[in-house]
Amino acid sequence: MHKSLKEEQQLLQLQAEALRLKLLSNQMRRQQEKSGPDLLGLASQLPKAGLVWRLANMPRKLRNKLLLGAGLLAVLYLRF
């Protein structure tokens, strides 16, 4: 049996819409790749660098206690 012209037209419209969406998604992906690194992601890492710098400048005994405590908390977190 042959499909009616109306069904064929609807099928072609759906295929055209799917192709349009695929082209649009590829275009958006290329724009994101060209934009380079995410500035928001880089900005969110700045406080972490400050914490590491402050930790490095602390006295040795306090620094070792903090690192040991952080390690124990990490082990407890990963166990449960």
PDB file of N, CA and C in Angstrom:
ATOM      1  N   MET A   1       0.827  -1.184   0.000  1.00  0.00           N
ATOM      2  CA  MET A   1       0.000   0.000   0.000  1.00  0.00           C
ATOM      3  C   MET A   1       0.873   1.250   0.000  1.00  0.00           C
ATOM      4  N   HIS A   2       0.416   2.265  -0.716  1.00  0.00           N
ATOM      5  CA  HIS A   2       1.136   3.532  -0.773  1.00  0.00           C
ATOM      6  C   HIS A   2       0.644   4.454   0.338  1.00  0.00           C
ATOM      7  N   LYS A   3       1.563   5.201   0.865  1.00  0.00           N
ATOM      8  CA  LYS A   3       1.190   6.177   1.887  1.00  0.00           C
ATOM      9  C   LYS A   3       0.457   7.328   1.228  1.00  0.00           C
ATOM     10  N   SER A   4      -0.387   7.930   1.993  1.00  0.00           N
ATOM     11  CA  SER A   4      -1.087   9.088   1.449  1.00  0.00           C
ATOM     12  C   SER A   4      -0.123  10.272   1.379  1.00  0.00           C
ATOM     13  N   LEU A   5      -0.464  11.229   0.577  1.00  0.00           N
ATOM     14  CA  LEU A   5       0.387  12.407   0.413  1.00  0.00           C
ATOM     15  C   LEU A   5       0.520  13.185   1.724  1.00  0.00           C
ATOM     16  N   LYS A   6      -0.523  13.203   2.519  1.00  0.00           N
ATOM     17  CA  LYS A   6      -0.487  13.921   3.788  1.00  0.00           C
ATOM     18  C   LYS A   6       0.513  13.276   4.752  1.00  0.00           C
ATOM     19  N   GLU A   7       0.524  11.958   4.802  1.00  0.00           N
ATOM     20  CA  GLU A   7       1.456  11.243   5.677  1.00  0.00           C
ATOM     21  C   GLU A   7       2.894  11.456   5.219  1.00  0.00           C
ATOM     22  N   GLU A   8       3.113  11.440   3.912  1.00  0.00           N
ATOM     23  CA  GLU A   8       4.453  11.680   3.379  1.00  0.00           C
ATOM     24  C   GLU A   8       4.925  13.093   3.698  1.00  0.00           C
ATOM     25  N   GLN A   9       4.013  14.063   3.589  1.00  0.00           N
ATOM     26  CA  GLN A   9       4.364  15.441   3.899  1.00  0.00           C
ATOM     27  C   GLN A   9       4.735  15.585   5.374  1.00  0.00           C
ATOM     28  N   GLN A  10       3.990  14.951   6.266  1.00  0.00           N
ATOM     29  CA  GLN A  10       4.298  15.007   7.691  1.00  0.00           C
ATOM     30  C   GLN A  10       5.644  14.352   7.986  1.00  0.00           C
ATOM     31  N   LEU A  11       5.917  13.234   7.332  1.00  0.00           N
ATOM     32  CA  LEU A  11       7.184  12.545   7.529  1.00  0.00           C
ATOM     33  C   LEU A  11       8.355  13.414   7.071  1.00  0.00           C
ATOM     34  N   LEU A  12       8.200  14.055   5.924  1.00  0.00           N
ATOM     35  CA  LEU A  12       9.250  14.934   5.428  1.00  0.00           C
ATOM     36  C   LEU A  12       9.456  16.142   6.346  1.00  0.00           C
ATOM     37  N   GLN A  13       8.385  16.678   6.895  1.00  0.00           N
ATOM     38  CA  GLN A  13       8.505  17.796   7.826  1.00  0.00           C
ATOM     39  C   GLN A  13       9.242  17.369   9.095  1.00  0.00           C
ATOM     40  N   LEU A  14       8.940  16.175   9.599  1.00  0.00           N
ATOM     41  CA  LEU A  14       9.632  15.678  10.788  1.00  0.00           C
ATOM     42  C   LEU A  14      11.116  15.443  10.520  1.00  0.00           C
ATOM     43  N   GLN A  15      11.421  14.910   9.346  1.00  0.00           N
ATOM     44  CA  GLN A  15      12.825  14.691   8.993  1.00  0.00           C
ATOM     45  C   GLN A  15      13.573  16.020   8.852  1.00  0.00           C
ATOM     46  N   ALA A  16      12.916  17.014   8.260  1.00  0.00           N
ATOM     47  CA  ALA A  16      13.539  18.327   8.103  1.00  0.00           C
ATOM     48  C   ALA A  16      13.769  18.966   9.469  1.00  0.00           C
ATOM     49  N   GLU A  17      12.818  18.825  10.386  1.00  0.00           N
ATOM     50  CA  GLU A  17      12.981  19.379  11.735  1.00  0.00           C
ATOM     51  C   GLU A  17      14.121  18.685  12.484  1.00  0.00           C
ATOM     52  N   ALA A  18      14.224  17.372  12.348  1.00  0.00           N
ATOM     53  CA  ALA A  18      15.303  16.627  12.993  1.00  0.00           C
ATOM     54  C   ALA A  18      16.658  17.066  12.444  1.00  0.00           C
ATOM     55  N   LEU A  19      16.747  17.248  11.140  1.00  0.00           N
ATOM     56  CA  LEU A  19      17.996  17.700  10.528  1.00  0.00           C
ATOM     57  C   LEU A  19      18.341  19.121  10.970  1.00  0.00           C
ATOM     58  N   ARG A  20      17.340  19.989  11.086  1.00  0.00           N
ATOM     59  CA  ARG A  20      17.573  21.362  11.543  1.00  0.00           C
ATOM     60  C   ARG A  20      18.112  21.368  12.974  1.00  0.00           C
ATOM     61  N   LEU A  21      17.526  20.539  13.837  1.00  0.00           N
ATOM     62  CA  LEU A  21      17.982  20.470  15.222  1.00  0.00           C
ATOM     63  C   LEU A  21      19.399  19.906  15.314  1.00  0.00           C
ATOM     64  N   LYS A  22      19.703  18.926  14.469  1.00  0.00           N
ATOM     65  CA  LYS A  22      21.047  18.353  14.476  1.00  0.00           C
ATOM     66  C   LYS A  22      22.082  19.394  14.036  1.00  0.00           C
ATOM     67  N   LEU A  23      21.768  20.153  13.005  1.00  0.00           N
ATOM     68  CA  LEU A  23      22.681  21.199  12.539  1.00  0.00           C
ATOM     69  C   LEU A  23      22.860  22.286  13.601  1.00  0.00           C
ATOM     70  N   LEU A  24      21.773  22.636  14.265  1.00  0.00           N
ATOM     71  CA  LEU A  24      21.847  23.647  15.315  1.00  0.00           C
ATOM     72  C   LEU A  24      22.710  23.170  16.483  1.00  0.00           C
ATOM     73  N   SER A  25      22.567  21.910  16.872  1.00  0.00           N
ATOM     74  CA  SER A  25      23.378  21.393  17.977  1.00  0.00           C
ATOM     75  C   SER A  25      24.861  21.336  17.590  1.00  0.00           C
ATOM     76  N   ASN A  26      25.160  20.968  16.351  1.00  0.00           N
ATOM     77  CA  ASN A  26      26.556  20.965  15.898  1.00  0.00           C
ATOM     78  C   ASN A  26      27.140  22.367  15.881  1.00  0.00           C
ATOM     79  N   GLN A  27      26.337  23.351  15.472  1.00  0.00           N
ATOM     80  CA  GLN A  27      26.797  24.732  15.446  1.00  0.00           C
ATOM     81  C   GLN A  27      27.083  25.224  16.860  1.00  0.00           C
ATOM     82  N   MET A  28      26.216  24.907  17.812  1.00  0.00           N
ATOM     83  CA  MET A  28      26.424  25.321  19.203  1.00  0.00           C
ATOM     84  C   MET A  28      27.662  24.648  19.795  1.00  0.00           C
ATOM     85  N   ARG A  29      27.890  23.387  19.459  1.00  0.00           N
ATOM     86  CA  ARG A  29      29.061  22.674  19.956  1.00  0.00           C
ATOM     87  C   ARG A  29      30.347  23.315  19.432  1.00  0.00           C
ATOM     88  N   ARG A  30      30.345  23.696  18.140  1.00  0.00           N
ATOM     89  CA  ARG A  30      31.524  24.344  17.568  1.00  0.00           C
ATOM     90  C   ARG A  30      31.787  25.701  18.221  1.00  0.00           C
ATOM     91  N   GLN A  31      30.735  26.451  18.519  1.00  0.00           N
ATOM     92  CA  GLN A  31      30.906  27.744  19.175  1.00  0.00           C
ATOM     93  C   GLN A  31      31.496  27.569  20.570  1.00  0.00           C
ATOM     94  N   GLN A  32      31.070  26.549  21.287  1.00  0.00           N
ATOM     95  CA  GLN A  32      31.605  26.308  22.628  1.00  0.00           C
ATOM     96  C   GLN A  32      33.070  25.913  22.557  1.00  0.00           C
ATOM     97  N   GLU A  33      33.444  25.135  21.555  1.00  0.00           N
ATOM     98  CA  GLU A  33      34.840  24.725  21.413  1.00  0.00           C
ATOM     99  C   GLU A  33      35.724  25.925  21.068  1.00  0.00           C
ATOM    100  N   LYS A  34      35.206  26.849  20.272  1.00  0.00           N
ATOM    101  CA  LYS A  34      35.975  28.026  19.877  1.00  0.00           C
ATOM    102  C   LYS A  34      36.116  29.019  21.016  1.00  0.00           C
ATOM    103  N   SER A  35      35.153  29.044  21.930  1.00  0.00           N
ATOM    104  CA  SER A  35      35.170  30.039  22.991  1.00  0.00           C
ATOM    105  C   SER A  35      36.303  29.816  23.973  1.00  0.00           C
ATOM    106  N   GLY A  36      36.908  28.653  23.986  1.00  0.00           N
ATOM    107  CA  GLY A  36      38.047  28.392  24.851  1.00  0.00           C
ATOM    108  C   GLY A  36      37.613  27.943  26.227  1.00  0.00           C
ATOM    109  N   PRO A  37      38.487  28.132  27.205  1.00  0.00           N
ATOM    110  CA  PRO A  37      38.180  27.661  28.554  1.00  0.00           C
ATOM    111  C   PRO A  37      37.024  28.438  29.179  1.00  0.00           C
ATOM    112  N   ASP A  38      36.318  27.776  30.036  1.00  0.00           N
ATOM    113  CA  ASP A  38      35.180  28.372  30.724  1.00  0.00           C
ATOM    114  C   ASP A  38      35.698  29.300  31.825  1.00  0.00           C
ATOM    115  N   LEU A  39      35.415  30.587  31.702  1.00  0.00           N
ATOM    116  CA  LEU A  39      35.915  31.560  32.670  1.00  0.00           C
ATOM    117  C   LEU A  39      35.299  31.360  34.044  1.00  0.00           C
ATOM    118  N   LEU A  40      34.047  30.919  34.083  1.00  0.00           N
ATOM    119  CA  LEU A  40      33.408  30.668  35.369  1.00  0.00           C
ATOM    120  C   LEU A  40      34.083  29.514  36.089  1.00  0.00           C
ATOM    121  N   GLY A  41      34.471  28.484  35.354  1.00  0.00           N
ATOM    122  CA  GLY A  41      35.179  27.358  35.950  1.00  0.00           C
ATOM    123  C   GLY A  41      36.536  27.764  36.490  1.00  0.00           C
ATOM    124  N   LEU A  42      37.219  28.625  35.757  1.00  0.00           N
ATOM    125  CA  LEU A  42      38.522  29.110  36.231  1.00  0.00           C
ATOM    126  C   LEU A  42      38.368  29.975  37.468  1.00  0.00           C
ATOM    127  N   ALA A  43      37.340  30.791  37.489  1.00  0.00           N
ATOM    128  CA  ALA A  43      37.123  31.670  38.642  1.00  0.00           C
ATOM    129  C   ALA A  43      36.760  30.870  39.884  1.00  0.00           C
ATOM    130  N   SER A  44      36.077  29.755  39.715  1.00  0.00           N
ATOM    131  CA  SER A  44      35.698  28.953  40.876  1.00  0.00           C
ATOM    132  C   SER A  44      36.900  28.248  41.493  1.00  0.00           C
ATOM    133  N   GLN A  45      37.990  28.110  40.763  1.00  0.00           N
ATOM    134  CA  GLN A  45      39.177  27.450  41.289  1.00  0.00           C
ATOM    135  C   GLN A  45      40.099  28.412  42.042  1.00  0.00           C
ATOM    136  N   LEU A  46      39.872  29.713  41.938  1.00  0.00           N
ATOM    137  CA  LEU A  46      40.740  30.675  42.612  1.00  0.00           C
ATOM    138  C   LEU A  46      40.733  30.542  44.140  1.00  0.00           C
ATOM    139  N   PRO A  47      39.580  30.405  44.796  1.00  0.00           N
ATOM    140  CA  PRO A  47      39.624  30.252  46.253  1.00  0.00           C
ATOM    141  C   PRO A  47      40.376  28.999  46.687  1.00  0.00           C
ATOM    142  N   LYS A  48      40.313  27.937  45.913  1.00  0.00           N
ATOM    143  CA  LYS A  48      41.037  26.713  46.254  1.00  0.00           C
ATOM    144  C   LYS A  48      42.540  26.964  46.250  1.00  0.00           C
ATOM    145  N   ALA A  49      43.010  27.734  45.296  1.00  0.00           N
ATOM    146  CA  ALA A  49      44.437  28.043  45.232  1.00  0.00           C
ATOM    147  C   ALA A  49      44.845  28.869  46.442  1.00  0.00           C
ATOM    148  N   GLY A  50      43.975  29.780  46.882  1.00  0.00           N
ATOM    149  CA  GLY A  50      44.269  30.579  48.063  1.00  0.00           C
ATOM    150  C   GLY A  50      44.356  29.724  49.313  1.00  0.00           C
ATOM    151  N   LEU A  51      43.465  28.730  49.421  1.00  0.00           N
ATOM    152  CA  LEU A  51      43.507  27.835  50.580  1.00  0.00           C
ATOM    153  C   LEU A  51      44.784  27.013  50.590  1.00  0.00           C
ATOM    154  N   VAL A  52      45.208  26.552  49.437  1.00  0.00           N
ATOM    155  CA  VAL A  52      46.439  25.766  49.353  1.00  0.00           C
ATOM    156  C   VAL A  52      47.631  26.645  49.737  1.00  0.00           C
ATOM    157  N   TRP A  53      47.642  27.897  49.287  1.00  0.00           N
ATOM    158  CA  TRP A  53      48.749  28.804  49.608  1.00  0.00           C
ATOM    159  C   TRP A  53      48.814  29.076  51.109  1.00  0.00           C
ATOM    160  N   ARG A  54      47.618  29.309  51.728  1.00  0.00           N
ATOM    161  CA  ARG A  54      47.590  29.540  53.174  1.00  0.00           C
ATOM    162  C   ARG A  54      48.040  28.307  53.941  1.00  0.00           C
ATOM    163  N   LEU A  55      47.641  27.122  53.469  1.00  0.00           N
ATOM    164  CA  LEU A  55      48.042  25.882  54.121  1.00  0.00           C
ATOM    165  C   LEU A  55      49.555  25.692  54.021  1.00  0.00           C
ATOM    166  N   ALA A  56      50.128  26.038  52.884  1.00  0.00           N
ATOM    167  CA  ALA A  56      51.575  25.877  52.702  1.00  0.00           C
ATOM    168  C   ALA A  56      52.364  26.816  53.605  1.00  0.00           C
ATOM    169  N   ASN A  57      51.791  27.959  53.946  1.00  0.00           N
ATOM    170  CA  ASN A  57      52.494  28.931  54.777  1.00  0.00           C
ATOM    171  C   ASN A  57      52.245  28.753  56.276  1.00  0.00           C
ATOM    172  N   MET A  58      51.454  27.779  56.666  1.00  0.00           N
ATOM    173  CA  MET A  58      51.188  27.542  58.085  1.00  0.00           C
ATOM    174  C   MET A  58      52.386  26.857  58.743  1.00  0.00           C
ATOM    175  N   PRO A  59      52.457  26.955  60.070  1.00  0.00           N
ATOM    176  CA  PRO A  59      53.501  26.211  60.764  1.00  0.00           C
ATOM    177  C   PRO A  59      53.352  24.708  60.528  1.00  0.00           C
ATOM    178  N   ARG A  60      54.471  24.001  60.556  1.00  0.00           N
ATOM    179  CA  ARG A  60      54.498  22.594  60.191  1.00  0.00           C
ATOM    180  C   ARG A  60      53.562  21.743  61.052  1.00  0.00           C
ATOM    181  N   LYS A  61      53.553  21.938  62.374  1.00  0.00           N
ATOM    182  CA  LYS A  61      52.722  21.106  63.252  1.00  0.00           C
ATOM    183  C   LYS A  61      51.237  21.291  62.934  1.00  0.00           C
ATOM    184  N   LEU A  62      50.812  22.517  62.793  1.00  0.00           N
ATOM    185  CA  LEU A  62      49.403  22.783  62.493  1.00  0.00           C
ATOM    186  C   LEU A  62      49.032  22.251  61.112  1.00  0.00           C
ATOM    187  N   ARG A  63      49.930  22.451  60.155  1.00  0.00           N
ATOM    188  CA  ARG A  63      49.675  21.970  58.796  1.00  0.00           C
ATOM    189  C   ARG A  63      49.507  20.455  58.781  1.00  0.00           C
ATOM    190  N   ASN A  64      50.380  19.733  59.493  1.00  0.00           N
ATOM    191  CA  ASN A  64      50.289  18.273  59.527  1.00  0.00           C
ATOM    192  C   ASN A  64      49.008  17.807  60.210  1.00  0.00           C
ATOM    193  N   LYS A  65      48.590  18.509  61.254  1.00  0.00           N
ATOM    194  CA  LYS A  65      47.343  18.151  61.933  1.00  0.00           C
ATOM    195  C   LYS A  65      46.146  18.354  61.003  1.00  0.00           C
ATOM    196  N   LEU A  66      46.147  19.455  60.303  1.00  0.00           N
ATOM    197  CA  LEU A  66      45.039  19.717  59.370  1.00  0.00           C
ATOM    198  C   LEU A  66      45.005  18.694  58.238  1.00  0.00           C
ATOM    199  N   LEU A  67      46.164  18.362  57.702  1.00  0.00           N
ATOM    200  CA  LEU A  67      46.212  17.371  56.620  1.00  0.00           C
ATOM    201  C   LEU A  67      45.783  15.996  57.112  1.00  0.00           C
ATOM    202  N   LEU A  68      46.194  15.623  58.320  1.00  0.00           N
ATOM    203  CA  LEU A  68      45.786  14.345  58.883  1.00  0.00           C
ATOM    204  C   LEU A  68      44.278  14.315  59.102  1.00  0.00           C
ATOM    205  N   GLY A  69      43.735  15.402  59.634  1.00  0.00           N
ATOM    206  CA  GLY A  69      42.286  15.484  59.836  1.00  0.00           C
ATOM    207  C   GLY A  69      41.518  15.408  58.527  1.00  0.00           C
ATOM    208  N   ALA A  70      42.003  16.097  57.514  1.00  0.00           N
ATOM    209  CA  ALA A  70      41.344  16.060  56.204  1.00  0.00           C
ATOM    210  C   ALA A  70      41.412  14.659  55.606  1.00  0.00           C
ATOM    211  N   GLY A  71      42.553  13.988  55.799  1.00  0.00           N
ATOM    212  CA  GLY A  71      42.688  12.617  55.299  1.00  0.00           C
ATOM    213  C   GLY A  71      41.742  11.664  55.996  1.00  0.00           C
ATOM    214  N   LEU A  72      41.623  11.809  57.317  1.00  0.00           N
ATOM    215  CA  LEU A  72      40.703  10.947  58.063  1.00  0.00           C
ATOM    216  C   LEU A  72      39.253  11.197  57.658  1.00  0.00           C
ATOM    217  N   LEU A  73      38.900  12.462  57.467  1.00  0.00           N
ATOM    218  CA  LEU A  73      37.538  12.764  57.005  1.00  0.00           C
ATOM    219  C   LEU A  73      37.275  12.177  55.624  1.00  0.00           C
ATOM    220  N   ALA A  74      38.260  12.218  54.755  1.00  0.00           N
ATOM    221  CA  ALA A  74      38.103  11.648  53.414  1.00  0.00           C
ATOM    222  C   ALA A  74      37.908  10.141  53.493  1.00  0.00           C
ATOM    223  N   VAL A  75      38.679   9.479  54.375  1.00  0.00           N
ATOM    224  CA  VAL A  75      38.532   8.027  54.522  1.00  0.00           C
ATOM    225  C   VAL A  75      37.158   7.690  55.066  1.00  0.00           C
ATOM    226  N   LEU A  76      36.694   8.437  56.066  1.00  0.00           N
ATOM    227  CA  LEU A  76      35.374   8.184  56.623  1.00  0.00           C
ATOM    228  C   LEU A  76      34.287   8.428  55.567  1.00  0.00           C
ATOM    229  N   TYR A  77      34.458   9.462  54.783  1.00  0.00           N
ATOM    230  CA  TYR A  77      33.471   9.778  53.751  1.00  0.00           C
ATOM    231  C   TYR A  77      33.420   8.676  52.688  1.00  0.00           C
ATOM    232  N   LEU A  78      34.576   8.164  52.306  1.00  0.00           N
ATOM    233  CA  LEU A  78      34.611   7.146  51.262  1.00  0.00           C
ATOM    234  C   LEU A  78      34.133   5.787  51.772  1.00  0.00           C
ATOM    235  N   ARG A  79      34.277   5.531  53.050  1.00  0.00           N
ATOM    236  CA  ARG A  79      33.836   4.251  53.609  1.00  0.00           C
ATOM    237  C   ARG A  79      32.336   4.167  53.711  1.00  0.00           C
ATOM    238  N   PHE A  80      31.677   5.294  54.024  1.00  0.00           N
ATOM    239  CA  PHE A  80      30.226   5.260  54.257  1.00  0.00           C
ATOM    240  C   PHE A  80      29.518   5.917  53.161  1.00  0.00           C
TER     241      PHE A  80
END
